[in-house]
Amino acid sequence: MIEYYRGAYGANLLTRWHGSSLAKAFIPGGLSVLLYLILFYFDTTPEEEVYLNHPYAVGVLVSSVSFLIIFRANYGYQRYWEACTTVHHLMSKWMDCAIFIGVFHLQSEHYKDMRPPNFF
């Protein structure tokens, strides 16, 4: 279990390395930035042949990627709430099981002294 220490508005969690997704994403992200910088500074393609200079082309790419990210986040959110619902249902079934065990347990003649009073 990760132990959390109190800090000013959780600012100490931003620098935490153990248990963070930043530790897993740091090397691939750094390699991607390095590849981008190499391509940016050493690319010899003329400016007229670059396809993404027009804002409409960039707008189409940004809106399609945003659309995909939003749908993926929505599916993750739905899976989370479905899991919460299933856990709640599971806990209610365990509660039913415990109540039934208690009820039938008290019906035994061995526990006649411990039965709660009733009017039947």
Foldseek 3Di string as FASTA:
>chain_A
DDDDDDDDVCPVVVPDDPPDCCVVCVVVVVVVVVVVVCCVVPPPDDPVPDDPPDVVVVVVVVVVVVVVVVVVVVVVVVVVVVVVVVVVVVVVVVVVVVVVCVVVVCVDPVNVVVDDDDDD
